[in-house]
C-alpha atoms as a PDB file:
ATOM      1  CA  MET A   1      45.995  -1.692  -5.190  1.00  0.00           C
ATOM      2  CA  LEU A   2      43.504   0.597  -6.941  1.00  0.00           C
ATOM      3  CA  ALA A   3      45.109   3.585  -5.254  1.00  0.00           C
ATOM      4  CA  ASP A   4      48.525   2.455  -6.535  1.00  0.00           C
ATOM      5  CA  VAL A   5      47.198   2.140 -10.073  1.00  0.00           C
ATOM      6  CA  LYS A   6      45.683   5.623  -9.962  1.00  0.00           C
ATOM      7  CA  GLU A   7      48.934   7.067  -8.647  1.00  0.00           C
ATOM      8  CA  MET A   8      51.025   5.315 -11.306  1.00  0.00           C
ATOM      9  CA  LEU A   9      48.812   6.584 -14.116  1.00  0.00           C
ATOM     10  CA  ARG A  10      48.707  10.099 -12.646  1.00  0.00           C
ATOM     11  CA  GLU A  11      52.506  10.217 -12.441  1.00  0.00           C
ATOM     12  CA  GLN A  12      52.921   9.065 -16.029  1.00  0.00           C
ATOM     13  CA  LEU A  13      50.532  11.756 -17.197  1.00  0.00           C
ATOM     14  CA  GLU A  14      52.255  14.396 -15.085  1.00  0.00           C
ATOM     15  CA  PHE A  15      55.751  13.454 -16.285  1.00  0.00           C
ATOM     16  CA  ARG A  16      54.883  12.680 -19.922  1.00  0.00           C
ATOM     17  CA  GLU A  17      57.137  15.492 -21.153  1.00  0.00           C
ATOM     18  CA  LEU A  18      60.076  13.999 -19.248  1.00  0.00           C
ATOM     19  CA  LEU A  19      59.435  10.655 -20.941  1.00  0.00           C
ATOM     20  CA  SER A  20      59.545  12.375 -24.333  1.00  0.00           C
ATOM     21  CA  GLN A  21      62.843  14.028 -23.425  1.00  0.00           C
ATOM     22  CA  MET A  22      64.293  10.699 -22.264  1.00  0.00           C
ATOM     23  CA  ILE A  23      63.313   9.053 -25.544  1.00  0.00           C
ATOM     24  CA  ARG A  24      64.968  11.836 -27.538  1.00  0.00           C
ATOM     25  CA  ARG A  25      68.066  11.634 -25.347  1.00  0.00           C
ATOM     26  CA  ASP A  26      68.352   7.859 -25.732  1.00  0.00           C
ATOM     27  CA  LEU A  27      67.941   8.071 -29.498  1.00  0.00           C
ATOM     28  CA  LEU A  28      70.616  10.761 -29.681  1.00  0.00           C
ATOM     29  CA  ILE A  29      73.043   8.813 -27.483  1.00  0.00           C
ATOM     30  CA  ARG A  30      72.530   5.603 -29.446  1.00  0.00           C
ATOM     31  CA  TYR A  31      73.126   7.090 -32.878  1.00  0.00           C
ATOM     32  CA  LYS A  32      75.426  10.028 -32.117  1.00  0.00           C
ATOM     33  CA  GLN A  33      78.710   9.789 -34.075  1.00  0.00           C
ATOM     34  CA  SER A  34      77.367   6.713 -35.865  1.00  0.00           C
ATOM     35  CA  VAL A  35      78.068   6.751 -39.606  1.00  0.00           C
ATOM     36  CA  MET A  36      75.056   4.582 -40.477  1.00  0.00           C
ATOM     37  CA  GLY A  37      72.687   6.127 -37.931  1.00  0.00           C
ATOM     38  CA  PHE A  38      69.207   4.656 -38.109  1.00  0.00           C
ATOM     39  CA  ALA A  39      70.373   2.339 -40.898  1.00  0.00           C
ATOM     40  CA  TRP A  40      71.655   0.039 -38.134  1.00  0.00           C
ATOM     41  CA  ALA A  41      68.011  -0.738 -37.354  1.00  0.00           C
ATOM     42  CA  VAL A  42      67.775  -2.258 -40.842  1.00  0.00           C
ATOM     43  CA  PHE A  43      71.312  -3.576 -41.251  1.00  0.00           C
ATOM     44  CA  MET A  44      71.421  -6.157 -38.444  1.00  0.00           C
ATOM     45  CA  PRO A  45      68.143  -7.981 -39.159  1.00  0.00           C
ATOM     46  CA  LEU A  46      68.959  -7.812 -42.889  1.00  0.00           C
ATOM     47  CA  VAL A  47      72.375  -9.441 -42.424  1.00  0.00           C
ATOM     48  CA  ASN A  48      70.880 -12.168 -40.238  1.00  0.00           C
ATOM     49  CA  THR A  49      68.122 -12.695 -42.789  1.00  0.00           C
ATOM     50  CA  VAL A  50      70.678 -13.237 -45.549  1.00  0.00           C
ATOM     51  CA  VAL A  51      72.668 -15.698 -43.419  1.00  0.00           C
ATOM     52  CA  PHE A  52      69.693 -17.765 -42.332  1.00  0.00           C
ATOM     53  CA  SER A  53      68.159 -17.638 -45.803  1.00  0.00           C
ATOM     54  CA  VAL A  54      71.278 -19.314 -47.161  1.00  0.00           C
ATOM     55  CA  VAL A  55      71.117 -21.945 -44.433  1.00  0.00           C
ATOM     56  CA  PHE A  56      67.400 -22.731 -44.666  1.00  0.00           C
ATOM     57  CA  MET A  57      67.050 -22.360 -48.439  1.00  0.00           C
ATOM     58  CA  ARG A  58      70.287 -23.987 -49.606  1.00  0.00           C
ATOM     59  CA  VAL A  59      71.705 -26.173 -46.852  1.00  0.00           C
ATOM     60  CA  ALA A  60      68.680 -27.440 -44.911  1.00  0.00           C
ATOM     61  CA  ALA A  61      65.640 -26.304 -46.858  1.00  0.00           C
ATOM     62  CA  ILE A  62      62.401 -25.867 -44.946  1.00  0.00           C
ATOM     63  CA  ASP A  63      58.928 -24.993 -46.207  1.00  0.00           C
ATOM     64  CA  VAL A  64      57.439 -21.934 -44.505  1.00  0.00           C
ATOM     65  CA  GLY A  65      54.609 -21.357 -46.974  1.00  0.00           C
ATOM     66  CA  MET A  66      56.059 -18.042 -48.184  1.00  0.00           C
ATOM     67  CA  PRO A  67      59.401 -16.641 -49.387  1.00  0.00           C
ATOM     68  CA  TYR A  68      61.835 -17.484 -46.616  1.00  0.00           C
ATOM     69  CA  PRO A  69      63.569 -14.045 -46.570  1.00  0.00           C
ATOM     70  CA  LEU A  70      60.172 -12.458 -45.802  1.00  0.00           C
ATOM     71  CA  PHE A  71      59.497 -15.038 -43.103  1.00  0.00           C
ATOM     72  CA  ALA A  72      62.905 -14.570 -41.474  1.00  0.00           C
ATOM     73  CA  TYR A  73      63.108 -10.785 -41.713  1.00  0.00           C
ATOM     74  CA  CYS A  74      59.668 -10.348 -40.154  1.00  0.00           C
ATOM     75  CA  GLY A  75      60.586 -12.707 -37.321  1.00  0.00           C
ATOM     76  CA  LEU A  76      63.927 -11.029 -36.685  1.00  0.00           C
ATOM     77  CA  LEU A  77      62.461  -7.520 -36.833  1.00  0.00           C
ATOM     78  CA  THR A  78      59.750  -8.486 -34.372  1.00  0.00           C
ATOM     79  CA  TRP A  79      62.170 -10.264 -32.059  1.00  0.00           C
ATOM     80  CA  ASN A  80      64.704  -7.416 -32.157  1.00  0.00           C
ATOM     81  CA  LEU A  81      62.072  -5.015 -30.843  1.00  0.00           C
ATOM     82  CA  PHE A  82      61.528  -7.305 -27.854  1.00  0.00           C
ATOM     83  CA  ALA A  83      65.158  -8.275 -27.208  1.00  0.00           C
ATOM     84  CA  GLY A  84      66.600  -4.829 -27.972  1.00  0.00           C
ATOM     85  CA  ALA A  85      64.198  -3.097 -25.605  1.00  0.00           C
ATOM     86  CA  LEU A  86      65.022  -5.567 -22.831  1.00  0.00           C
ATOM     87  CA  ARG A  87      68.761  -5.309 -23.451  1.00  0.00           C
ATOM     88  CA  PHE A  88      68.682  -1.561 -22.783  1.00  0.00           C
ATOM     89  CA  SER A  89      66.020  -1.790 -20.080  1.00  0.00           C
ATOM     90  CA  VAL A  90      67.989  -4.178 -17.892  1.00  0.00           C
ATOM     91  CA  ILE A  91      70.702  -1.521 -17.336  1.00  0.00           C
ATOM     92  CA  SER A  92      68.418   1.508 -17.555  1.00  0.00           C
ATOM     93  CA  LEU A  93      68.390   2.156 -13.802  1.00  0.00           C
ATOM     94  CA  THR A  94      71.983   1.217 -12.994  1.00  0.00           C
ATOM     95  CA  SER A  95      73.329   3.440 -15.803  1.00  0.00           C
ATOM     96  CA  ASN A  96      71.413   6.468 -14.485  1.00  0.00           C
ATOM     97  CA  THR A  97      72.319   6.240 -10.818  1.00  0.00           C
ATOM     98  CA  SER A  98      72.634   9.999 -10.242  1.00  0.00           C
ATOM     99  CA  LEU A  99      69.100  10.612 -11.481  1.00  0.00           C
ATOM    100  CA  VAL A 100      67.685   7.618  -9.631  1.00  0.00           C
ATOM    101  CA  SER A 101      69.183   8.674  -6.296  1.00  0.00           C
ATOM    102  CA  LYS A 102      68.862  12.474  -6.394  1.00  0.00           C
ATOM    103  CA  VAL A 103      65.825  13.525  -8.409  1.00  0.00           C
ATOM    104  CA  TYR A 104      62.227  12.448  -7.912  1.00  0.00           C
ATOM    105  CA  PHE A 105      60.145  11.278 -10.846  1.00  0.00           C
ATOM    106  CA  PRO A 106      58.568   7.909 -11.724  1.00  0.00           C
ATOM    107  CA  ARG A 107      61.588   5.673 -12.349  1.00  0.00           C
ATOM    108  CA  GLU A 108      59.654   3.466 -14.761  1.00  0.00           C
ATOM    109  CA  ILE A 109      60.333   6.212 -17.287  1.00  0.00           C
ATOM    110  CA  PHE A 110      63.770   4.630 -17.864  1.00  0.00           C
ATOM    111  CA  PRO A 111      62.595   1.190 -19.045  1.00  0.00           C
ATOM    112  CA  PHE A 112      59.618   2.757 -20.842  1.00  0.00           C
ATOM    113  CA  SER A 113      62.043   4.980 -22.747  1.00  0.00           C
ATOM    114  CA  ALA A 114      64.106   1.936 -23.773  1.00  0.00           C
ATOM    115  CA  VAL A 115      60.956   0.249 -25.091  1.00  0.00           C
ATOM    116  CA  ALA A 116      59.933   3.368 -27.019  1.00  0.00           C
ATOM    117  CA  VAL A 117      63.367   3.641 -28.662  1.00  0.00           C
ATOM    118  CA  ALA A 118      63.132  -0.017 -29.727  1.00  0.00           C
ATOM    119  CA  VAL A 119      59.733   0.716 -31.283  1.00  0.00           C
ATOM    120  CA  VAL A 120      61.306   3.572 -33.286  1.00  0.00           C
ATOM    121  CA  ASP A 121      64.061   1.215 -34.482  1.00  0.00           C
ATOM    122  CA  SER A 122      61.482  -1.340 -35.567  1.00  0.00           C
ATOM    123  CA  ALA A 123      59.458   1.296 -37.398  1.00  0.00           C
ATOM    124  CA  VAL A 124      62.582   2.187 -39.387  1.00  0.00           C
ATOM    125  CA  GLY A 125      63.254  -1.488 -40.091  1.00  0.00           C
ATOM    126  CA  ALA A 126      59.649  -1.962 -41.227  1.00  0.00           C
ATOM    127  CA  VAL A 127      60.339   0.266 -44.240  1.00  0.00           C
ATOM    128  CA  LEU A 128      62.525  -2.482 -45.706  1.00  0.00           C
ATOM    129  CA  LEU A 129      59.876  -5.076 -44.874  1.00  0.00           C
ATOM    130  CA  VAL A 130      57.370  -3.127 -46.977  1.00  0.00           C
ATOM    131  CA  GLY A 131      59.895  -3.062 -49.815  1.00  0.00           C
ATOM    132  CA  MET A 132      60.434  -6.819 -49.536  1.00  0.00           C
ATOM    133  CA  MET A 133      56.688  -7.429 -49.640  1.00  0.00           C
ATOM    134  CA  ALA A 134      56.474  -5.407 -52.844  1.00  0.00           C
ATOM    135  CA  TYR A 135      59.416  -7.325 -54.344  1.00  0.00           C
ATOM    136  CA  TYR A 136      57.802 -10.697 -53.599  1.00  0.00           C
ATOM    137  CA  HIS A 137      54.366  -9.447 -54.718  1.00  0.00           C
ATOM    138  CA  VAL A 138      52.829  -9.969 -51.287  1.00  0.00           C
ATOM    139  CA  HIS A 139      50.018  -7.459 -50.977  1.00  0.00           C
ATOM    140  CA  PRO A 140      48.311  -6.498 -47.679  1.00  0.00           C
ATOM    141  CA  THR A 141      44.628  -7.301 -47.230  1.00  0.00           C
ATOM    142  CA  TRP A 142      41.918  -6.103 -44.838  1.00  0.00           C
ATOM    143  CA  ALA A 143      43.634  -8.158 -42.101  1.00  0.00           C
ATOM    144  CA  VAL A 144      46.345  -5.491 -41.856  1.00  0.00           C
ATOM    145  CA  PHE A 145      43.895  -3.330 -39.893  1.00  0.00           C
ATOM    146  CA  PHE A 146      44.442  -5.756 -37.000  1.00  0.00           C
ATOM    147  CA  LEU A 147      48.145  -4.853 -36.946  1.00  0.00           C
ATOM    148  CA  PRO A 148      47.826  -2.098 -34.274  1.00  0.00           C
ATOM    149  CA  VAL A 149      46.344  -4.656 -31.868  1.00  0.00           C
ATOM    150  CA  ILE A 150      49.305  -6.975 -32.412  1.00  0.00           C
ATOM    151  CA  VAL A 151      51.778  -4.128 -31.906  1.00  0.00           C
ATOM    152  CA  LEU A 152      49.971  -3.124 -28.704  1.00  0.00           C
ATOM    153  CA  VAL A 153      50.156  -6.640 -27.246  1.00  0.00           C
ATOM    154  CA  HIS A 154      53.804  -6.856 -28.306  1.00  0.00           C
ATOM    155  CA  VAL A 155      54.710  -3.551 -26.629  1.00  0.00           C
ATOM    156  CA  VAL A 156      52.699  -4.286 -23.469  1.00  0.00           C
ATOM    157  CA  LEU A 157      54.470  -7.632 -22.998  1.00  0.00           C
ATOM    158  CA  THR A 158      57.856  -6.020 -23.662  1.00  0.00           C
ATOM    159  CA  ALA A 159      57.190  -3.175 -21.200  1.00  0.00           C
ATOM    160  CA  GLY A 160      56.128  -5.588 -18.461  1.00  0.00           C
ATOM    161  CA  VAL A 161      59.257  -7.725 -18.784  1.00  0.00           C
ATOM    162  CA  ALA A 162      61.392  -4.566 -19.071  1.00  0.00           C
ATOM    163  CA  LEU A 163      60.147  -3.259 -15.721  1.00  0.00           C
ATOM    164  CA  LEU A 164      60.877  -6.561 -13.979  1.00  0.00           C
ATOM    165  CA  LEU A 165      64.374  -6.795 -15.468  1.00  0.00           C
ATOM    166  CA  ALA A 166      65.333  -3.190 -14.704  1.00  0.00           C
ATOM    167  CA  MET A 167      64.229  -3.540 -11.094  1.00  0.00           C
ATOM    168  CA  SER A 168      65.878  -6.961 -10.649  1.00  0.00           C
ATOM    169  CA  ASN A 169      69.211  -5.768 -12.022  1.00  0.00           C
ATOM    170  CA  LEU A 170      69.209  -2.827  -9.626  1.00  0.00           C
ATOM    171  CA  PHE A 171      68.961  -5.183  -6.636  1.00  0.00           C
ATOM    172  CA  TYR A 172      71.053  -8.032  -8.109  1.00  0.00           C
ATOM    173  CA  ARG A 173      73.702  -6.788 -10.549  1.00  0.00           C
ATOM    174  CA  ASP A 174      74.406 -10.207 -12.060  1.00  0.00           C
ATOM    175  CA  VAL A 175      70.954 -10.207 -13.654  1.00  0.00           C
ATOM    176  CA  LYS A 176      72.345  -8.404 -16.717  1.00  0.00           C
ATOM    177  CA  TYR A 177      74.777 -11.287 -17.324  1.00  0.00           C
ATOM    178  CA  LEU A 178      72.142 -13.973 -16.859  1.00  0.00           C
ATOM    179  CA  PHE A 179      69.875 -12.003 -19.168  1.00  0.00           C
ATOM    180  CA  GLU A 180      72.183 -12.473 -22.168  1.00  0.00           C
ATOM    181  CA  VAL A 181      72.045 -16.241 -21.744  1.00  0.00           C
ATOM    182  CA  ALA A 182      68.296 -16.251 -21.181  1.00  0.00           C
ATOM    183  CA  ILE A 183      67.445 -14.008 -24.143  1.00  0.00           C
ATOM    184  CA  THR A 184      69.481 -16.199 -26.514  1.00  0.00           C
ATOM    185  CA  GLY A 185      67.679 -19.312 -25.337  1.00  0.00           C
ATOM    186  CA  TRP A 186      64.340 -17.514 -25.516  1.00  0.00           C
ATOM    187  CA  MET A 187      64.981 -16.569 -29.150  1.00  0.00           C
ATOM    188  CA  PHE A 188      65.538 -20.163 -30.212  1.00  0.00           C
ATOM    189  CA  ALA A 189      62.422 -21.173 -28.262  1.00  0.00           C
ATOM    190  CA  THR A 190      60.440 -18.699 -30.407  1.00  0.00           C
ATOM    191  CA  PRO A 191      59.519 -19.266 -34.084  1.00  0.00           C
ATOM    192  CA  VAL A 192      61.711 -16.423 -35.279  1.00  0.00           C
ATOM    193  CA  LEU A 193      63.489 -18.483 -37.937  1.00  0.00           C
ATOM    194  CA  TYR A 194      61.420 -21.644 -38.201  1.00  0.00           C
ATOM    195  CA  PRO A 195      57.684 -22.448 -38.381  1.00  0.00           C
ATOM    196  CA  LEU A 196      56.194 -23.660 -35.124  1.00  0.00           C
ATOM    197  CA  ASP A 197      53.856 -26.015 -37.003  1.00  0.00           C
ATOM    198  CA  GLY A 198      56.821 -28.231 -37.788  1.00  0.00           C
ATOM    199  CA  VAL A 199      57.591 -28.871 -34.115  1.00  0.00           C
ATOM    200  CA  GLY A 200      55.565 -31.632 -32.514  1.00  0.00           C
ATOM    201  CA  GLY A 201      55.554 -33.689 -29.341  1.00  0.00           C
ATOM    202  CA  THR A 202      56.391 -32.377 -25.900  1.00  0.00           C
ATOM    203  CA  LEU A 203      58.803 -29.795 -27.294  1.00  0.00           C
ATOM    204  CA  GLY A 204      56.087 -28.359 -29.496  1.00  0.00           C
ATOM    205  CA  VAL A 205      53.731 -28.060 -26.529  1.00  0.00           C
ATOM    206  CA  VAL A 206      56.410 -26.274 -24.491  1.00  0.00           C
ATOM    207  CA  LEU A 207      57.253 -23.864 -27.331  1.00  0.00           C
ATOM    208  CA  ARG A 208      53.579 -22.997 -27.752  1.00  0.00           C
ATOM    209  CA  LEU A 209      53.490 -21.819 -24.126  1.00  0.00           C
ATOM    210  CA  ASN A 210      55.933 -19.074 -25.071  1.00  0.00           C
ATOM    211  CA  PRO A 211      53.863 -15.840 -25.176  1.00  0.00           C
ATOM    212  CA  MET A 212      56.070 -14.405 -27.928  1.00  0.00           C
ATOM    213  CA  SER A 213      55.268 -17.256 -30.327  1.00  0.00           C
ATOM    214  CA  PRO A 214      51.653 -16.199 -31.074  1.00  0.00           C
ATOM    215  CA  VAL A 215      52.773 -12.582 -31.379  1.00  0.00           C
ATOM    216  CA  ILE A 216      55.323 -13.334 -34.116  1.00  0.00           C
ATOM    217  CA  ASP A 217      52.909 -15.683 -35.888  1.00  0.00           C
ATOM    218  CA  ALA A 218      50.248 -12.961 -35.709  1.00  0.00           C
ATOM    219  CA  TYR A 219      52.454 -10.494 -37.592  1.00  0.00           C
ATOM    220  CA  ARG A 220      53.022 -13.043 -40.353  1.00  0.00           C
ATOM    221  CA  ALA A 221      49.324 -13.932 -40.518  1.00  0.00           C
ATOM    222  CA  VAL A 222      48.040 -10.396 -41.068  1.00  0.00           C
ATOM    223  CA  LEU A 223      50.925  -9.202 -43.271  1.00  0.00           C
ATOM    224  CA  PHE A 224      51.637 -12.197 -45.483  1.00  0.00           C
ATOM    225  CA  ARG A 225      48.710 -14.602 -45.290  1.00  0.00           C
ATOM    226  CA  GLY A 226      45.987 -11.975 -45.177  1.00  0.00           C
ATOM    227  CA  THR A 227      44.211 -13.621 -42.253  1.00  0.00           C
ATOM    228  CA  LEU A 228      43.641 -12.861 -38.603  1.00  0.00           C
ATOM    229  CA  PRO A 229      45.829 -14.784 -36.146  1.00  0.00           C
ATOM    230  CA  PRO A 230      44.359 -17.847 -34.418  1.00  0.00           C
ATOM    231  CA  THR A 231      42.123 -16.473 -31.684  1.00  0.00           C
ATOM    232  CA  ALA A 232      42.968 -18.697 -28.705  1.00  0.00           C
ATOM    233  CA  PRO A 233      46.805 -18.489 -28.784  1.00  0.00           C
ATOM    234  CA  PHE A 234      46.847 -14.755 -29.499  1.00  0.00           C
ATOM    235  CA  ALA A 235      44.237 -14.028 -26.819  1.00  0.00           C
ATOM    236  CA  ALA A 236      46.314 -16.036 -24.336  1.00  0.00           C
ATOM    237  CA  SER A 237      49.390 -13.951 -25.191  1.00  0.00           C
ATOM    238  CA  ALA A 238      47.353 -10.771 -24.763  1.00  0.00           C
ATOM    239  CA  VAL A 239      46.171 -11.858 -21.307  1.00  0.00           C
ATOM    240  CA  ILE A 240      49.732 -12.807 -20.306  1.00  0.00           C
ATOM    241  CA  ALA A 241      51.033  -9.468 -21.592  1.00  0.00           C
ATOM    242  CA  ILE A 242      48.507  -7.517 -19.515  1.00  0.00           C
ATOM    243  CA  ALA A 243      49.222  -9.643 -16.446  1.00  0.00           C
ATOM    244  CA  VAL A 244      53.004  -9.237 -16.804  1.00  0.00           C
ATOM    245  CA  LEU A 245      52.698  -5.466 -17.221  1.00  0.00           C
ATOM    246  CA  ALA A 246      50.361  -5.184 -14.229  1.00  0.00           C
ATOM    247  CA  LEU A 247      52.620  -7.342 -12.049  1.00  0.00           C
ATOM    248  CA  GLY A 248      55.812  -5.660 -13.234  1.00  0.00           C
ATOM    249  CA  TRP A 249      54.526  -2.106 -12.901  1.00  0.00           C
ATOM    250  CA  LEU A 250      52.939  -2.639  -9.485  1.00  0.00           C
ATOM    251  CA  THR A 251      56.020  -4.425  -8.121  1.00  0.00           C
ATOM    252  CA  PHE A 252      58.300  -1.752  -9.591  1.00  0.00           C
ATOM    253  CA  HIS A 253      56.193   1.040  -8.084  1.00  0.00           C
ATOM    254  CA  ARG A 254      56.132  -0.504  -4.609  1.00  0.00           C
ATOM    255  CA  ALA A 255      59.883  -1.153  -4.622  1.00  0.00           C
ATOM    256  CA  GLU A 256      60.738   2.337  -5.867  1.00  0.00           C
ATOM    257  CA  SER A 257      61.378   3.685  -2.374  1.00  0.00           C
ATOM    258  CA  GLN A 258      64.319   1.257  -2.046  1.00  0.00           C
ATOM    259  CA  PHE A 259      65.994   2.186  -5.313  1.00  0.00           C
ATOM    260  CA  ALA A 260      68.144   5.040  -3.990  1.00  0.00           C
ATOM    261  CA  GLU A 261      69.822   2.885  -1.343  1.00  0.00           C
ATOM    262  CA  ASN A 262      70.673   0.162  -3.878  1.00  0.00           C
ATOM    263  CA  VAL A 263      72.242   2.232  -6.685  1.00  0.00           C
END
């Protein structure tokens, strides 16, 4: 196993320029001939924020301890990084069959590129979040210095799931269809649009096992409440993220020799 890890890291270092080129290519393909360009990264979470703000502020009001548009936009922006990266990762191998079957390089570059592009989208969308914080007079505190740790855990978890999905869809092509159902259910099992504190009983316990829940709550804690996230839940998510990435990457690497015959 240690030898596999060393080889995986060596290959990523050796092919780092290829990863950069893939990221640029994917960004160009996504936004080429698009009138709004990168504005789409802001437009979709903004539209959803407006819709759900009307619902949860006018129709079925809920108390989230902060302006609801801030609460919702942060949750949607965070979730879109995760879901968007996975949505492109799941087809990243099957949509590049000629490269997968004919040219040698570490194939995990494809899902890693999808994750990186999603991070760029989220960075663009974060500009509006900063503007919304200024509008609602929510000022960052010292806790914001913990933000890179949260982003790291978020990206590590996303990359691990992305590797597993990309590999699974290569061997079983119906995975991409099941994914759409699963990711929708996963979103509503995550406190993207509602506070987890308001969910009790068995359902609340189950929802708290979701590794994305502490990640989203952590963003809100450091940005809006000016506090560090609760240690135990966030640490558990960090451990799960590392474990998922390790499992996904190692499994992906060991199965790589079978990719060409399954494209």
